[in-house]
Amino acid sequence: MEIGEAFDEFWDMYLRLILLCPMHGFIEKTLMPYFYEGLNHLERRFLDTICEGS
């Protein structure tokens, strides 16, 4: 995630990349950590907060 890039822009780009290569062979459980690791520190804290208890 680039500085100044909005969370929803990053999410949309991530989904587009997955759709561009539907035969990637990864399961969702494997792909989500890649998305999370790509977030900046502030966005990780935000995501952790809204998903707490899930």
PDB file of N, CA and C in Angstrom:
ATOM      1  N   MET A   1       0.853  -1.159   0.000  1.00  0.00           N
ATOM      2  CA  MET A   1       0.000   0.000   0.000  1.00  0.00           C
ATOM      3  C   MET A   1       0.903   1.228   0.000  1.00  0.00           C
ATOM      4  N   GLU A   2       0.664   2.110  -0.934  1.00  0.00           N
ATOM      5  CA  GLU A   2       1.463   3.318  -1.054  1.00  0.00           C
ATOM      6  C   GLU A   2       0.982   4.382  -0.073  1.00  0.00           C
ATOM      7  N   ILE A   3       1.867   5.272   0.303  1.00  0.00           N
ATOM      8  CA  ILE A   3       1.499   6.390   1.171  1.00  0.00           C
ATOM      9  C   ILE A   3       0.457   7.231   0.439  1.00  0.00           C
ATOM     10  N   GLY A   4      -0.624   7.528   1.108  1.00  0.00           N
ATOM     11  CA  GLY A   4      -1.691   8.319   0.525  1.00  0.00           C
ATOM     12  C   GLY A   4      -2.713   7.511  -0.257  1.00  0.00           C
ATOM     13  N   GLU A   5      -2.456   6.217  -0.441  1.00  0.00           N
ATOM     14  CA  GLU A   5      -3.399   5.367  -1.163  1.00  0.00           C
ATOM     15  C   GLU A   5      -4.530   4.962  -0.219  1.00  0.00           C
ATOM     16  N   ALA A   6      -5.746   5.083  -0.671  1.00  0.00           N
ATOM     17  CA  ALA A   6      -6.902   4.740   0.144  1.00  0.00           C
ATOM     18  C   ALA A   6      -7.048   3.223   0.251  1.00  0.00           C
ATOM     19  N   PHE A   7      -7.592   2.798   1.390  1.00  0.00           N
ATOM     20  CA  PHE A   7      -7.804   1.369   1.633  1.00  0.00           C
ATOM     21  C   PHE A   7      -8.636   0.738   0.519  1.00  0.00           C
ATOM     22  N   ASP A   8      -9.726   1.400   0.124  1.00  0.00           N
ATOM     23  CA  ASP A   8     -10.598   0.820  -0.899  1.00  0.00           C
ATOM     24  C   ASP A   8      -9.905   0.726  -2.253  1.00  0.00           C
ATOM     25  N   GLU A   9      -8.998   1.656  -2.564  1.00  0.00           N
ATOM     26  CA  GLU A   9      -8.227   1.570  -3.809  1.00  0.00           C
ATOM     27  C   GLU A   9      -7.293   0.371  -3.769  1.00  0.00           C
ATOM     28  N   PHE A  10      -6.657   0.169  -2.627  1.00  0.00           N
ATOM     29  CA  PHE A  10      -5.747  -0.961  -2.460  1.00  0.00           C
ATOM     30  C   PHE A  10      -6.513  -2.286  -2.574  1.00  0.00           C
ATOM     31  N   TRP A  11      -7.672  -2.350  -1.935  1.00  0.00           N
ATOM     32  CA  TRP A  11      -8.515  -3.553  -1.991  1.00  0.00           C
ATOM     33  C   TRP A  11      -8.965  -3.834  -3.419  1.00  0.00           C
ATOM     34  N   ASP A  12      -9.404  -2.809  -4.142  1.00  0.00           N
ATOM     35  CA  ASP A  12      -9.840  -2.978  -5.529  1.00  0.00           C
ATOM     36  C   ASP A  12      -8.699  -3.477  -6.415  1.00  0.00           C
ATOM     37  N   MET A  13      -7.507  -2.920  -6.223  1.00  0.00           N
ATOM     38  CA  MET A  13      -6.351  -3.359  -7.001  1.00  0.00           C
ATOM     39  C   MET A  13      -6.036  -4.828  -6.698  1.00  0.00           C
ATOM     40  N   TYR A  14      -6.092  -5.193  -5.442  1.00  0.00           N
ATOM     41  CA  TYR A  14      -5.836  -6.568  -5.017  1.00  0.00           C
ATOM     42  C   TYR A  14      -6.823  -7.530  -5.687  1.00  0.00           C
ATOM     43  N   LEU A  15      -8.106  -7.177  -5.666  1.00  0.00           N
ATOM     44  CA  LEU A  15      -9.125  -8.034  -6.293  1.00  0.00           C
ATOM     45  C   LEU A  15      -8.934  -8.125  -7.807  1.00  0.00           C
ATOM     46  N   ARG A  16      -8.601  -7.000  -8.445  1.00  0.00           N
ATOM     47  CA  ARG A  16      -8.352  -7.013  -9.900  1.00  0.00           C
ATOM     48  C   ARG A  16      -7.202  -7.947 -10.247  1.00  0.00           C
ATOM     49  N   LEU A  17      -6.143  -7.914  -9.450  1.00  0.00           N
ATOM     50  CA  LEU A  17      -5.001  -8.791  -9.707  1.00  0.00           C
ATOM     51  C   LEU A  17      -5.388 -10.262  -9.585  1.00  0.00           C
ATOM     52  N   ILE A  18      -6.206 -10.586  -8.603  1.00  0.00           N
ATOM     53  CA  ILE A  18      -6.660 -11.970  -8.442  1.00  0.00           C
ATOM     54  C   ILE A  18      -7.515 -12.386  -9.639  1.00  0.00           C
ATOM     55  N   LEU A  19      -8.396 -11.497 -10.080  1.00  0.00           N
ATOM     56  CA  LEU A  19      -9.278 -11.812 -11.218  1.00  0.00           C
ATOM     57  C   LEU A  19      -8.524 -11.926 -12.539  1.00  0.00           C
ATOM     58  N   LEU A  20      -7.407 -11.205 -12.664  1.00  0.00           N
ATOM     59  CA  LEU A  20      -6.607 -11.274 -13.890  1.00  0.00           C
ATOM     60  C   LEU A  20      -5.948 -12.641 -14.060  1.00  0.00           C
ATOM     61  N   CYS A  21      -5.780 -13.334 -12.967  1.00  0.00           N
ATOM     62  CA  CYS A  21      -5.110 -14.633 -13.013  1.00  0.00           C
ATOM     63  C   CYS A  21      -5.940 -15.661 -12.237  1.00  0.00           C
ATOM     64  N   PRO A  22      -7.091 -16.072 -12.796  1.00  0.00           N
ATOM     65  CA  PRO A  22      -7.980 -16.963 -12.059  1.00  0.00           C
ATOM     66  C   PRO A  22      -7.403 -18.361 -11.814  1.00  0.00           C
ATOM     67  N   MET A  23      -6.381 -18.740 -12.536  1.00  0.00           N
ATOM     68  CA  MET A  23      -5.792 -20.069 -12.368  1.00  0.00           C
ATOM     69  C   MET A  23      -4.548 -20.023 -11.481  1.00  0.00           C
ATOM     70  N   HIS A  24      -4.488 -19.025 -10.566  1.00  0.00           N
ATOM     71  CA  HIS A  24      -3.308 -18.833  -9.729  1.00  0.00           C
ATOM     72  C   HIS A  24      -3.056 -20.009  -8.794  1.00  0.00           C
ATOM     73  N   GLY A  25      -4.080 -20.753  -8.438  1.00  0.00           N
ATOM     74  CA  GLY A  25      -3.901 -21.943  -7.618  1.00  0.00           C
ATOM     75  C   GLY A  25      -3.850 -21.693  -6.116  1.00  0.00           C
ATOM     76  N   PHE A  26      -3.940 -20.443  -5.691  1.00  0.00           N
ATOM     77  CA  PHE A  26      -3.933 -20.149  -4.264  1.00  0.00           C
ATOM     78  C   PHE A  26      -5.353 -20.182  -3.726  1.00  0.00           C
ATOM     79  N   ILE A  27      -5.498 -20.635  -2.498  1.00  0.00           N
ATOM     80  CA  ILE A  27      -6.802 -20.577  -1.858  1.00  0.00           C
ATOM     81  C   ILE A  27      -6.903 -19.250  -1.098  1.00  0.00           C
ATOM     82  N   GLU A  28      -8.125 -18.790  -0.837  1.00  0.00           N
ATOM     83  CA  GLU A  28      -8.335 -17.499  -0.191  1.00  0.00           C
ATOM     84  C   GLU A  28      -7.593 -17.402   1.136  1.00  0.00           C
ATOM     85  N   LYS A  29      -7.568 -18.491   1.859  1.00  0.00           N
ATOM     86  CA  LYS A  29      -6.895 -18.516   3.156  1.00  0.00           C
ATOM     87  C   LYS A  29      -5.413 -18.163   3.016  1.00  0.00           C
ATOM     88  N   THR A  30      -4.827 -18.490   1.881  1.00  0.00           N
ATOM     89  CA  THR A  30      -3.428 -18.190   1.619  1.00  0.00           C
ATOM     90  C   THR A  30      -3.247 -16.761   1.116  1.00  0.00           C
ATOM     91  N   LEU A  31      -4.207 -16.260   0.352  1.00  0.00           N
ATOM     92  CA  LEU A  31      -4.084 -14.932  -0.243  1.00  0.00           C
ATOM     93  C   LEU A  31      -4.293 -13.791   0.753  1.00  0.00           C
ATOM     94  N   MET A  32      -5.150 -13.957   1.722  1.00  0.00           N
ATOM     95  CA  MET A  32      -5.461 -12.862   2.642  1.00  0.00           C
ATOM     96  C   MET A  32      -4.236 -12.359   3.417  1.00  0.00           C
ATOM     97  N   PRO A  33      -3.334 -13.230   3.875  1.00  0.00           N
ATOM     98  CA  PRO A  33      -2.137 -12.693   4.544  1.00  0.00           C
ATOM     99  C   PRO A  33      -1.296 -11.802   3.627  1.00  0.00           C
ATOM    100  N   TYR A  34      -1.269 -12.090   2.329  1.00  0.00           N
ATOM    101  CA  TYR A  34      -0.541 -11.217   1.408  1.00  0.00           C
ATOM    102  C   TYR A  34      -1.158  -9.830   1.373  1.00  0.00           C
ATOM    103  N   PHE A  35      -2.476  -9.769   1.364  1.00  0.00           N
ATOM    104  CA  PHE A  35      -3.163  -8.483   1.392  1.00  0.00           C
ATOM    105  C   PHE A  35      -2.836  -7.744   2.687  1.00  0.00           C
ATOM    106  N   TYR A  36      -2.963  -8.429   3.806  1.00  0.00           N
ATOM    107  CA  TYR A  36      -2.734  -7.821   5.112  1.00  0.00           C
ATOM    108  C   TYR A  36      -1.309  -7.286   5.229  1.00  0.00           C
ATOM    109  N   GLU A  37      -0.336  -8.073   4.777  1.00  0.00           N
ATOM    110  CA  GLU A  37       1.064  -7.657   4.856  1.00  0.00           C
ATOM    111  C   GLU A  37       1.353  -6.458   3.957  1.00  0.00           C
ATOM    112  N   GLY A  38       0.538  -6.248   2.945  1.00  0.00           N
ATOM    113  CA  GLY A  38       0.713  -5.117   2.056  1.00  0.00           C
ATOM    114  C   GLY A  38       0.171  -3.817   2.602  1.00  0.00           C
ATOM    115  N   LEU A  39      -0.592  -3.887   3.682  1.00  0.00           N
ATOM    116  CA  LEU A  39      -1.164  -2.685   4.288  1.00  0.00           C
ATOM    117  C   LEU A  39      -0.101  -1.925   5.077  1.00  0.00           C
ATOM    118  N   ASN A  40      -0.295  -0.619   5.187  1.00  0.00           N
ATOM    119  CA  ASN A  40       0.597   0.146   6.061  1.00  0.00           C
ATOM    120  C   ASN A  40       0.154  -0.046   7.511  1.00  0.00           C
ATOM    121  N   HIS A  41       0.970   0.420   8.430  1.00  0.00           N
ATOM    122  CA  HIS A  41       0.718   0.175   9.858  1.00  0.00           C
ATOM    123  C   HIS A  41      -0.644   0.716  10.308  1.00  0.00           C
ATOM    124  N   LEU A  42      -0.987   1.906   9.877  1.00  0.00           N
ATOM    125  CA  LEU A  42      -2.259   2.509  10.285  1.00  0.00           C
ATOM    126  C   LEU A  42      -3.453   1.700   9.775  1.00  0.00           C
ATOM    127  N   GLU A  43      -3.393   1.265   8.528  1.00  0.00           N
ATOM    128  CA  GLU A  43      -4.495   0.474   7.962  1.00  0.00           C
ATOM    129  C   GLU A  43      -4.591  -0.895   8.639  1.00  0.00           C
ATOM    130  N   ARG A  44      -3.465  -1.476   9.014  1.00  0.00           N
ATOM    131  CA  ARG A  44      -3.501  -2.755   9.751  1.00  0.00           C
ATOM    132  C   ARG A  44      -4.207  -2.572  11.090  1.00  0.00           C
ATOM    133  N   ARG A  45      -3.878  -1.489  11.793  1.00  0.00           N
ATOM    134  CA  ARG A  45      -4.531  -1.226  13.086  1.00  0.00           C
ATOM    135  C   ARG A  45      -6.025  -1.031  12.901  1.00  0.00           C
ATOM    136  N   PHE A  46      -6.414  -0.295  11.853  1.00  0.00           N
ATOM    137  CA  PHE A  46      -7.826  -0.070  11.569  1.00  0.00           C
ATOM    138  C   PHE A  46      -8.533  -1.404  11.298  1.00  0.00           C
ATOM    139  N   LEU A  47      -7.938  -2.228  10.445  1.00  0.00           N
ATOM    140  CA  LEU A  47      -8.533  -3.523  10.107  1.00  0.00           C
ATOM    141  C   LEU A  47      -8.609  -4.424  11.333  1.00  0.00           C
ATOM    142  N   ASP A  48      -7.568  -4.437  12.137  1.00  0.00           N
ATOM    143  CA  ASP A  48      -7.574  -5.235  13.362  1.00  0.00           C
ATOM    144  C   ASP A  48      -8.697  -4.788  14.302  1.00  0.00           C
ATOM    145  N   THR A  49      -8.895  -3.479  14.389  1.00  0.00           N
ATOM    146  CA  THR A  49      -9.923  -2.954  15.272  1.00  0.00           C
ATOM    147  C   THR A  49     -11.330  -3.341  14.813  1.00  0.00           C
ATOM    148  N   ILE A  50     -11.618  -3.175  13.516  1.00  0.00           N
ATOM    149  CA  ILE A  50     -12.970  -3.480  13.050  1.00  0.00           C
ATOM    150  C   ILE A  50     -13.246  -4.976  12.995  1.00  0.00           C
ATOM    151  N   CYS A  51     -12.189  -5.789  12.945  1.00  0.00           N
ATOM    152  CA  CYS A  51     -12.382  -7.254  12.870  1.00  0.00           C
ATOM    153  C   CYS A  51     -12.189  -7.926  14.231  1.00  0.00           C
ATOM    154  N   GLU A  52     -11.961  -7.173  15.257  1.00  0.00           N
ATOM    155  CA  GLU A  52     -11.728  -7.770  16.566  1.00  0.00           C
ATOM    156  C   GLU A  52     -12.886  -8.658  16.961  1.00  0.00           C
ATOM    157  N   GLY A  53     -12.551  -9.862  17.369  1.00  0.00           N
ATOM    158  CA  GLY A  53     -13.580 -10.803  17.789  1.00  0.00           C
ATOM    159  C   GLY A  53     -14.128 -11.661  16.654  1.00  0.00           C
ATOM    160  N   SER A  54     -13.675 -11.424  15.437  1.00  0.00           N
ATOM    161  CA  SER A  54     -14.166 -12.222  14.300  1.00  0.00           C
ATOM    162  C   SER A  54     -13.292 -13.439  14.104  1.00  0.00           C
TER     163      SER A  54
END
